[in-house]
Amino acid sequence: MASTDGQAGEPGSIDKDYIDIVRSDVDIDKAFIKDTGIPAKIFYFCKDCKKMIKPKRVGKKFRFSCTECKGSNVAFGSKESINNYYKIKK
């Protein structure tokens, strides 16, 4: 069960059906979906260190490790998505 205490790196539970998420009215910047779109800058977050990191790729797979703690518990996404999901204060 996910923690809801607001700690960094520990997202709260989401109790929504898939169909509700698909039908949501989220505003999307048209620059990201027009034509080929503008690529979003990717940020990496070590769930062990609980901070943004510069990762090291693990083999040829789509996996990364932390260059600071050597852990392999690394998440990635846009800065906004990482900050929101892991409740990182700006």
PDB file of N, CA and C in Angstrom:
ATOM      1  N   MET A   1       0.845  -1.175   0.000  1.00  0.00           N
ATOM      2  CA  MET A   1       0.000   0.000   0.000  1.00  0.00           C
ATOM      3  C   MET A   1       0.890   1.239   0.000  1.00  0.00           C
ATOM      4  N   ALA A   2       0.567   2.217  -0.798  1.00  0.00           N
ATOM      5  CA  ALA A   2       1.362   3.434  -0.917  1.00  0.00           C
ATOM      6  C   ALA A   2       1.107   4.345   0.275  1.00  0.00           C
ATOM      7  N   SER A   3       2.145   5.053   0.670  1.00  0.00           N
ATOM      8  CA  SER A   3       2.055   5.991   1.771  1.00  0.00           C
ATOM      9  C   SER A   3       1.393   7.281   1.304  1.00  0.00           C
ATOM     10  N   THR A   4       0.681   7.926   2.192  1.00  0.00           N
ATOM     11  CA  THR A   4       0.041   9.199   1.839  1.00  0.00           C
ATOM     12  C   THR A   4       0.530  10.315   2.748  1.00  0.00           C
ATOM     13  N   ASP A   5       1.697  10.135   3.376  1.00  0.00           N
ATOM     14  CA  ASP A   5       2.186  11.130   4.323  1.00  0.00           C
ATOM     15  C   ASP A   5       2.904  12.300   3.674  1.00  0.00           C
ATOM     16  N   GLY A   6       3.044  12.326   2.333  1.00  0.00           N
ATOM     17  CA  GLY A   6       3.634  13.457   1.649  1.00  0.00           C
ATOM     18  C   GLY A   6       5.145  13.444   1.603  1.00  0.00           C
ATOM     19  N   GLN A   7       5.781  12.351   1.967  1.00  0.00           N
ATOM     20  CA  GLN A   7       7.236  12.244   1.907  1.00  0.00           C
ATOM     21  C   GLN A   7       7.692  12.196   0.465  1.00  0.00           C
ATOM     22  N   ALA A   8       8.868  12.749   0.184  1.00  0.00           N
ATOM     23  CA  ALA A   8       9.433  12.684  -1.169  1.00  0.00           C
ATOM     24  C   ALA A   8       9.697  11.233  -1.525  1.00  0.00           C
ATOM     25  N   GLY A   9       9.379  10.862  -2.743  1.00  0.00           N
ATOM     26  CA  GLY A   9       9.644   9.513  -3.215  1.00  0.00           C
ATOM     27  C   GLY A   9       8.572   8.506  -2.887  1.00  0.00           C
ATOM     28  N   GLU A  10       7.530   8.921  -2.216  1.00  0.00           N
ATOM     29  CA  GLU A  10       6.486   7.982  -1.835  1.00  0.00           C
ATOM     30  C   GLU A  10       5.127   8.527  -2.255  1.00  0.00           C
ATOM     31  N   PRO A  11       4.693   8.199  -3.479  1.00  0.00           N
ATOM     32  CA  PRO A  11       3.418   8.719  -3.978  1.00  0.00           C
ATOM     33  C   PRO A  11       2.229   8.150  -3.224  1.00  0.00           C
ATOM     34  N   GLY A  12       1.174   8.926  -3.178  1.00  0.00           N
ATOM     35  CA  GLY A  12      -0.058   8.471  -2.550  1.00  0.00           C
ATOM     36  C   GLY A  12      -0.831   7.558  -3.486  1.00  0.00           C
ATOM     37  N   SER A  13      -1.823   6.912  -2.968  1.00  0.00           N
ATOM     38  CA  SER A  13      -2.620   6.002  -3.792  1.00  0.00           C
ATOM     39  C   SER A  13      -3.578   6.798  -4.669  1.00  0.00           C
ATOM     40  N   ILE A  14      -3.859   6.240  -5.828  1.00  0.00           N
ATOM     41  CA  ILE A  14      -4.797   6.863  -6.763  1.00  0.00           C
ATOM     42  C   ILE A  14      -5.947   5.891  -6.958  1.00  0.00           C
ATOM     43  N   ASP A  15      -7.136   6.312  -6.602  1.00  0.00           N
ATOM     44  CA  ASP A  15      -8.305   5.451  -6.693  1.00  0.00           C
ATOM     45  C   ASP A  15      -9.207   5.894  -7.835  1.00  0.00           C
ATOM     46  N   LYS A  16      -8.708   5.757  -9.076  1.00  0.00           N
ATOM     47  CA  LYS A  16      -9.501   6.122 -10.246  1.00  0.00           C
ATOM     48  C   LYS A  16      -9.523   4.949 -11.206  1.00  0.00           C
ATOM     49  N   ASP A  17     -10.654   4.784 -11.834  1.00  0.00           N
ATOM     50  CA  ASP A  17     -10.760   3.764 -12.867  1.00  0.00           C
ATOM     51  C   ASP A  17     -10.028   4.235 -14.109  1.00  0.00           C
ATOM     52  N   TYR A  18      -9.554   3.288 -14.898  1.00  0.00           N
ATOM     53  CA  TYR A  18      -8.828   3.599 -16.122  1.00  0.00           C
ATOM     54  C   TYR A  18      -9.662   4.472 -17.049  1.00  0.00           C
ATOM     55  N   ILE A  19     -10.931   4.174 -17.166  1.00  0.00           N
ATOM     56  CA  ILE A  19     -11.809   4.914 -18.073  1.00  0.00           C
ATOM     57  C   ILE A  19     -11.913   6.374 -17.654  1.00  0.00           C
ATOM     58  N   ASP A  20     -11.873   6.670 -16.350  1.00  0.00           N
ATOM     59  CA  ASP A  20     -11.913   8.049 -15.867  1.00  0.00           C
ATOM     60  C   ASP A  20     -10.646   8.798 -16.266  1.00  0.00           C
ATOM     61  N   ILE A  21      -9.521   8.134 -16.226  1.00  0.00           N
ATOM     62  CA  ILE A  21      -8.253   8.765 -16.592  1.00  0.00           C
ATOM     63  C   ILE A  21      -8.223   9.052 -18.084  1.00  0.00           C
ATOM     64  N   VAL A  22      -8.671   8.117 -18.908  1.00  0.00           N
ATOM     65  CA  VAL A  22      -8.676   8.293 -20.356  1.00  0.00           C
ATOM     66  C   VAL A  22      -9.578   9.447 -20.764  1.00  0.00           C
ATOM     67  N   ARG A  23     -10.699   9.598 -20.111  1.00  0.00           N
ATOM     68  CA  ARG A  23     -11.667  10.646 -20.456  1.00  0.00           C
ATOM     69  C   ARG A  23     -11.404  11.970 -19.737  1.00  0.00           C
ATOM     70  N   SER A  24     -10.282  12.106 -19.043  1.00  0.00           N
ATOM     71  CA  SER A  24     -10.027  13.329 -18.281  1.00  0.00           C
ATOM     72  C   SER A  24      -9.818  14.519 -19.203  1.00  0.00           C
ATOM     73  N   ASP A  25     -10.108  15.688 -18.705  1.00  0.00           N
ATOM     74  CA  ASP A  25      -9.965  16.934 -19.456  1.00  0.00           C
ATOM     75  C   ASP A  25      -8.698  17.648 -19.011  1.00  0.00           C
ATOM     76  N   VAL A  26      -7.556  17.123 -19.411  1.00  0.00           N
ATOM     77  CA  VAL A  26      -6.271  17.708 -19.040  1.00  0.00           C
ATOM     78  C   VAL A  26      -5.800  18.600 -20.182  1.00  0.00           C
ATOM     79  N   ASP A  27      -5.389  19.810 -19.839  1.00  0.00           N
ATOM     80  CA  ASP A  27      -4.868  20.720 -20.856  1.00  0.00           C
ATOM     81  C   ASP A  27      -3.462  20.285 -21.249  1.00  0.00           C
ATOM     82  N   ILE A  28      -3.240  20.137 -22.550  1.00  0.00           N
ATOM     83  CA  ILE A  28      -1.951  19.726 -23.077  1.00  0.00           C
ATOM     84  C   ILE A  28      -1.428  20.837 -23.967  1.00  0.00           C
ATOM     85  N   ASP A  29      -0.160  21.177 -23.779  1.00  0.00           N
ATOM     86  CA  ASP A  29       0.462  22.187 -24.631  1.00  0.00           C
ATOM     87  C   ASP A  29       0.500  21.639 -26.052  1.00  0.00           C
ATOM     88  N   LYS A  30      -0.130  22.341 -26.971  1.00  0.00           N
ATOM     89  CA  LYS A  30      -0.247  21.876 -28.359  1.00  0.00           C
ATOM     90  C   LYS A  30       1.113  21.687 -29.024  1.00  0.00           C
ATOM     91  N   ALA A  31       2.164  22.342 -28.526  1.00  0.00           N
ATOM     92  CA  ALA A  31       3.501  22.203 -29.114  1.00  0.00           C
ATOM     93  C   ALA A  31       4.019  20.771 -28.986  1.00  0.00           C
ATOM     94  N   PHE A  32       3.533  20.032 -27.988  1.00  0.00           N
ATOM     95  CA  PHE A  32       3.999  18.667 -27.773  1.00  0.00           C
ATOM     96  C   PHE A  32       3.287  17.647 -28.657  1.00  0.00           C
ATOM     97  N   ILE A  33       2.120  18.004 -29.207  1.00  0.00           N
ATOM     98  CA  ILE A  33       1.388  17.031 -30.016  1.00  0.00           C
ATOM     99  C   ILE A  33       1.198  17.459 -31.462  1.00  0.00           C
ATOM    100  N   LYS A  34       1.521  18.718 -31.809  1.00  0.00           N
ATOM    101  CA  LYS A  34       1.383  19.213 -33.171  1.00  0.00           C
ATOM    102  C   LYS A  34       2.502  18.646 -34.036  1.00  0.00           C
ATOM    103  N   ASP A  35       2.177  18.194 -35.239  1.00  0.00           N
ATOM    104  CA  ASP A  35       3.145  17.614 -36.182  1.00  0.00           C
ATOM    105  C   ASP A  35       3.959  16.516 -35.490  1.00  0.00           C
ATOM    106  N   THR A  36       5.272  16.682 -35.430  1.00  0.00           N
ATOM    107  CA  THR A  36       6.099  15.668 -34.763  1.00  0.00           C
ATOM    108  C   THR A  36       6.280  15.983 -33.293  1.00  0.00           C
ATOM    109  N   GLY A  37       5.890  17.157 -32.855  1.00  0.00           N
ATOM    110  CA  GLY A  37       5.940  17.519 -31.443  1.00  0.00           C
ATOM    111  C   GLY A  37       7.321  17.948 -30.980  1.00  0.00           C
ATOM    112  N   ILE A  38       7.339  18.700 -29.892  1.00  0.00           N
ATOM    113  CA  ILE A  38       8.588  19.108 -29.259  1.00  0.00           C
ATOM    114  C   ILE A  38       8.903  18.066 -28.202  1.00  0.00           C
ATOM    115  N   PRO A  39      10.095  17.483 -28.223  1.00  0.00           N
ATOM    116  CA  PRO A  39      10.411  16.487 -27.195  1.00  0.00           C
ATOM    117  C   PRO A  39      10.542  17.144 -25.822  1.00  0.00           C
ATOM    118  N   ALA A  40      10.040  16.473 -24.809  1.00  0.00           N
ATOM    119  CA  ALA A  40      10.152  16.972 -23.439  1.00  0.00           C
ATOM    120  C   ALA A  40      11.530  16.618 -22.904  1.00  0.00           C
ATOM    121  N   LYS A  41      12.112  17.507 -22.106  1.00  0.00           N
ATOM    122  CA  LYS A  41      13.399  17.218 -21.483  1.00  0.00           C
ATOM    123  C   LYS A  41      13.166  16.185 -20.385  1.00  0.00           C
ATOM    124  N   ILE A  42      13.982  15.157 -20.374  1.00  0.00           N
ATOM    125  CA  ILE A  42      13.815  14.057 -19.424  1.00  0.00           C
ATOM    126  C   ILE A  42      14.703  14.280 -18.200  1.00  0.00           C
ATOM    127  N   PHE A  43      14.120  14.086 -17.020  1.00  0.00           N
ATOM    128  CA  PHE A  43      14.842  14.173 -15.758  1.00  0.00           C
ATOM    129  C   PHE A  43      14.825  12.803 -15.103  1.00  0.00           C
ATOM    130  N   TYR A  44      15.838  12.523 -14.290  1.00  0.00           N
ATOM    131  CA  TYR A  44      16.000  11.231 -13.628  1.00  0.00           C
ATOM    132  C   TYR A  44      15.990  11.445 -12.127  1.00  0.00           C
ATOM    133  N   PHE A  45      15.250  10.586 -11.414  1.00  0.00           N
ATOM    134  CA  PHE A  45      15.087  10.691  -9.969  1.00  0.00           C
ATOM    135  C   PHE A  45      15.457   9.362  -9.328  1.00  0.00           C
ATOM    136  N   CYS A  46      16.427   9.388  -8.410  1.00  0.00           N
ATOM    137  CA  CYS A  46      16.814   8.166  -7.687  1.00  0.00           C
ATOM    138  C   CYS A  46      15.875   8.006  -6.504  1.00  0.00           C
ATOM    139  N   LYS A  47      15.146   6.911  -6.467  1.00  0.00           N
ATOM    140  CA  LYS A  47      14.198   6.664  -5.380  1.00  0.00           C
ATOM    141  C   LYS A  47      14.916   6.298  -4.092  1.00  0.00           C
ATOM    142  N   ASP A  48      16.203   5.876  -4.189  1.00  0.00           N
ATOM    143  CA  ASP A  48      16.983   5.561  -2.992  1.00  0.00           C
ATOM    144  C   ASP A  48      17.556   6.833  -2.369  1.00  0.00           C
ATOM    145  N   CYS A  49      18.191   7.689  -3.195  1.00  0.00           N
ATOM    146  CA  CYS A  49      18.762   8.971  -2.729  1.00  0.00           C
ATOM    147  C   CYS A  49      17.682  10.019  -2.484  1.00  0.00           C
ATOM    148  N   LYS A  50      16.534   9.856  -3.164  1.00  0.00           N
ATOM    149  CA  LYS A  50      15.414  10.803  -3.119  1.00  0.00           C
ATOM    150  C   LYS A  50      15.839  12.179  -3.636  1.00  0.00           C
ATOM    151  N   LYS A  51      16.571  12.178  -4.798  1.00  0.00           N
ATOM    152  CA  LYS A  51      16.950  13.435  -5.433  1.00  0.00           C
ATOM    153  C   LYS A  51      17.165  13.228  -6.920  1.00  0.00           C
ATOM    154  N   MET A  52      17.166  14.344  -7.656  1.00  0.00           N
ATOM    155  CA  MET A  52      17.421  14.317  -9.087  1.00  0.00           C
ATOM    156  C   MET A  52      18.882  13.956  -9.306  1.00  0.00           C
ATOM    157  N   ILE A  53      19.148  13.129 -10.318  1.00  0.00           N
ATOM    158  CA  ILE A  53      20.501  12.645 -10.548  1.00  0.00           C
ATOM    159  C   ILE A  53      20.848  12.665 -12.024  1.00  0.00           C
ATOM    160  N   LYS A  54      22.123  12.423 -12.300  1.00  0.00           N
ATOM    161  CA  LYS A  54      22.581  12.152 -13.656  1.00  0.00           C
ATOM    162  C   LYS A  54      22.797  10.633 -13.692  1.00  0.00           C
ATOM    163  N   PRO A  55      22.037   9.908 -14.514  1.00  0.00           N
ATOM    164  CA  PRO A  55      22.061   8.449 -14.466  1.00  0.00           C
ATOM    165  C   PRO A  55      23.161   7.826 -15.318  1.00  0.00           C
ATOM    166  N   LYS A  56      23.323   6.536 -15.122  1.00  0.00           N
ATOM    167  CA  LYS A  56      24.186   5.718 -15.963  1.00  0.00           C
ATOM    168  C   LYS A  56      23.302   4.622 -16.544  1.00  0.00           C
ATOM    169  N   ARG A  57      23.381   4.424 -17.844  1.00  0.00           N
ATOM    170  CA  ARG A  57      22.551   3.414 -18.495  1.00  0.00           C
ATOM    171  C   ARG A  57      23.053   2.021 -18.146  1.00  0.00           C
ATOM    172  N   VAL A  58      22.128   1.101 -17.902  1.00  0.00           N
ATOM    173  CA  VAL A  58      22.463  -0.279 -17.563  1.00  0.00           C
ATOM    174  C   VAL A  58      22.335  -1.122 -18.831  1.00  0.00           C
ATOM    175  N   GLY A  59      23.469  -1.540 -19.387  1.00  0.00           N
ATOM    176  CA  GLY A  59      23.473  -2.372 -20.588  1.00  0.00           C
ATOM    177  C   GLY A  59      22.784  -1.682 -21.747  1.00  0.00           C
ATOM    178  N   LYS A  60      22.131  -2.476 -22.593  1.00  0.00           N
ATOM    179  CA  LYS A  60      21.417  -1.935 -23.748  1.00  0.00           C
ATOM    180  C   LYS A  60      19.927  -1.779 -23.472  1.00  0.00           C
ATOM    181  N   LYS A  61      19.534  -2.026 -22.237  1.00  0.00           N
ATOM    182  CA  LYS A  61      18.123  -1.957 -21.873  1.00  0.00           C
ATOM    183  C   LYS A  61      17.734  -0.538 -21.501  1.00  0.00           C
ATOM    184  N   PHE A  62      16.465  -0.325 -21.331  1.00  0.00           N
ATOM    185  CA  PHE A  62      15.925   0.979 -20.971  1.00  0.00           C
ATOM    186  C   PHE A  62      15.878   1.095 -19.451  1.00  0.00           C
ATOM    187  N   ARG A  63      17.035   0.830 -18.810  1.00  0.00           N
ATOM    188  CA  ARG A  63      17.168   0.884 -17.351  1.00  0.00           C
ATOM    189  C   ARG A  63      18.348   1.761 -17.009  1.00  0.00           C
ATOM    190  N   PHE A  64      18.300   2.373 -15.833  1.00  0.00           N
ATOM    191  CA  PHE A  64      19.345   3.301 -15.426  1.00  0.00           C
ATOM    192  C   PHE A  64      19.732   3.046 -13.984  1.00  0.00           C
ATOM    193  N   SER A  65      20.970   3.426 -13.633  1.00  0.00           N
ATOM    194  CA  SER A  65      21.424   3.332 -12.255  1.00  0.00           C
ATOM    195  C   SER A  65      21.895   4.703 -11.802  1.00  0.00           C
ATOM    196  N   CYS A  66      21.933   4.901 -10.499  1.00  0.00           N
ATOM    197  CA  CYS A  66      22.336   6.171  -9.911  1.00  0.00           C
ATOM    198  C   CYS A  66      23.860   6.228  -9.859  1.00  0.00           C
ATOM    199  N   THR A  67      24.431   7.333 -10.302  1.00  0.00           N
ATOM    200  CA  THR A  67      25.884   7.483 -10.268  1.00  0.00           C
ATOM    201  C   THR A  67      26.384   7.863  -8.880  1.00  0.00           C
ATOM    202  N   GLU A  68      25.480   8.264  -7.983  1.00  0.00           N
ATOM    203  CA  GLU A  68      25.887   8.670  -6.636  1.00  0.00           C
ATOM    204  C   GLU A  68      25.836   7.520  -5.635  1.00  0.00           C
ATOM    205  N   CYS A  69      24.693   6.820  -5.556  1.00  0.00           N
ATOM    206  CA  CYS A  69      24.560   5.731  -4.576  1.00  0.00           C
ATOM    207  C   CYS A  69      24.706   4.351  -5.208  1.00  0.00           C
ATOM    208  N   LYS A  70      24.850   4.302  -6.532  1.00  0.00           N
ATOM    209  CA  LYS A  70      24.990   3.063  -7.302  1.00  0.00           C
ATOM    210  C   LYS A  70      23.732   2.193  -7.277  1.00  0.00           C
ATOM    211  N   GLY A  71      22.608   2.758  -6.832  1.00  0.00           N
ATOM    212  CA  GLY A  71      21.349   2.024  -6.814  1.00  0.00           C
ATOM    213  C   GLY A  71      20.731   1.945  -8.202  1.00  0.00           C
ATOM    214  N   SER A  72      19.828   0.995  -8.385  1.00  0.00           N
ATOM    215  CA  SER A  72      19.175   0.833  -9.689  1.00  0.00           C
ATOM    216  C   SER A  72      17.691   1.182  -9.631  1.00  0.00           C
ATOM    217  N   ASN A  73      17.302   1.909  -8.625  1.00  0.00           N
ATOM    218  CA  ASN A  73      15.912   2.279  -8.418  1.00  0.00           C
ATOM    219  C   ASN A  73      15.695   3.703  -8.943  1.00  0.00           C
ATOM    220  N   VAL A  74      15.784   3.867 -10.277  1.00  0.00           N
ATOM    221  CA  VAL A  74      15.747   5.188 -10.897  1.00  0.00           C
ATOM    222  C   VAL A  74      14.480   5.350 -11.738  1.00  0.00           C
ATOM    223  N   ALA A  75      13.779   6.447 -11.520  1.00  0.00           N
ATOM    224  CA  ALA A  75      12.590   6.790 -12.305  1.00  0.00           C
ATOM    225  C   ALA A  75      12.956   7.934 -13.235  1.00  0.00           C
ATOM    226  N   PHE A  76      12.205   8.085 -14.328  1.00  0.00           N
ATOM    227  CA  PHE A  76      12.474   9.184 -15.245  1.00  0.00           C
ATOM    228  C   PHE A  76      11.180   9.715 -15.815  1.00  0.00           C
ATOM    229  N   GLY A  77      11.230  10.976 -16.219  1.00  0.00           N
ATOM    230  CA  GLY A  77      10.069  11.632 -16.800  1.00  0.00           C
ATOM    231  C   GLY A  77      10.332  13.114 -16.926  1.00  0.00           C
ATOM    232  N   SER A  78       9.305  13.885 -17.257  1.00  0.00           N
ATOM    233  CA  SER A  78       9.476  15.336 -17.334  1.00  0.00           C
ATOM    234  C   SER A  78       9.656  15.866 -15.913  1.00  0.00           C
ATOM    235  N   LYS A  79      10.215  17.057 -15.801  1.00  0.00           N
ATOM    236  CA  LYS A  79      10.452  17.635 -14.478  1.00  0.00           C
ATOM    237  C   LYS A  79       9.150  17.775 -13.698  1.00  0.00           C
ATOM    238  N   GLU A  80       8.110  18.228 -14.388  1.00  0.00           N
ATOM    239  CA  GLU A  80       6.813  18.410 -13.733  1.00  0.00           C
ATOM    240  C   GLU A  80       6.228  17.083 -13.251  1.00  0.00           C
ATOM    241  N   SER A  81       6.322  16.044 -14.076  1.00  0.00           N
ATOM    242  CA  SER A  81       5.752  14.757 -13.686  1.00  0.00           C
ATOM    243  C   SER A  81       6.517  14.138 -12.511  1.00  0.00           C
ATOM    244  N   ILE A  82       7.839  14.251 -12.514  1.00  0.00           N
ATOM    245  CA  ILE A  82       8.638  13.727 -11.396  1.00  0.00           C
ATOM    246  C   ILE A  82       8.306  14.501 -10.120  1.00  0.00           C
ATOM    247  N   ASN A  83       8.259  15.827 -10.207  1.00  0.00           N
ATOM    248  CA  ASN A  83       7.940  16.647  -9.027  1.00  0.00           C
ATOM    249  C   ASN A  83       6.553  16.331  -8.479  1.00  0.00           C
ATOM    250  N   ASN A  84       5.576  16.152  -9.349  1.00  0.00           N
ATOM    251  CA  ASN A  84       4.216  15.856  -8.903  1.00  0.00           C
ATOM    252  C   ASN A  84       4.102  14.452  -8.315  1.00  0.00           C
ATOM    253  N   TYR A  85       4.644  13.458  -8.999  1.00  0.00           N
ATOM    254  CA  TYR A  85       4.482  12.063  -8.573  1.00  0.00           C
ATOM    255  C   TYR A  85       5.202  11.779  -7.258  1.00  0.00           C
ATOM    256  N   TYR A  86       6.411  12.309  -7.108  1.00  0.00           N
ATOM    257  CA  TYR A  86       7.199  12.044  -5.906  1.00  0.00           C
ATOM    258  C   TYR A  86       7.087  13.161  -4.866  1.00  0.00           C
ATOM    259  N   LYS A  87       6.171  14.111  -5.115  1.00  0.00           N
ATOM    260  CA  LYS A  87       5.879  15.184  -4.168  1.00  0.00           C
ATOM    261  C   LYS A  87       7.144  15.932  -3.745  1.00  0.00           C
ATOM    262  N   ILE A  88       7.925  16.354  -4.748  1.00  0.00           N
ATOM    263  CA  ILE A  88       9.150  17.096  -4.505  1.00  0.00           C
ATOM    264  C   ILE A  88       8.794  18.576  -4.447  1.00  0.00           C
ATOM    265  N   LYS A  89       9.215  19.249  -3.402  1.00  0.00           N
ATOM    266  CA  LYS A  89       8.948  20.680  -3.266  1.00  0.00           C
ATOM    267  C   LYS A  89       9.873  21.439  -4.200  1.00  0.00           C
ATOM    268  N   LYS A  90       9.327  22.441  -4.875  1.00  0.00           N
ATOM    269  CA  LYS A  90      10.098  23.207  -5.849  1.00  0.00           C
ATOM    270  C   LYS A  90      10.987  24.221  -5.200  1.00  0.00           C
TER     271      LYS A  90
END
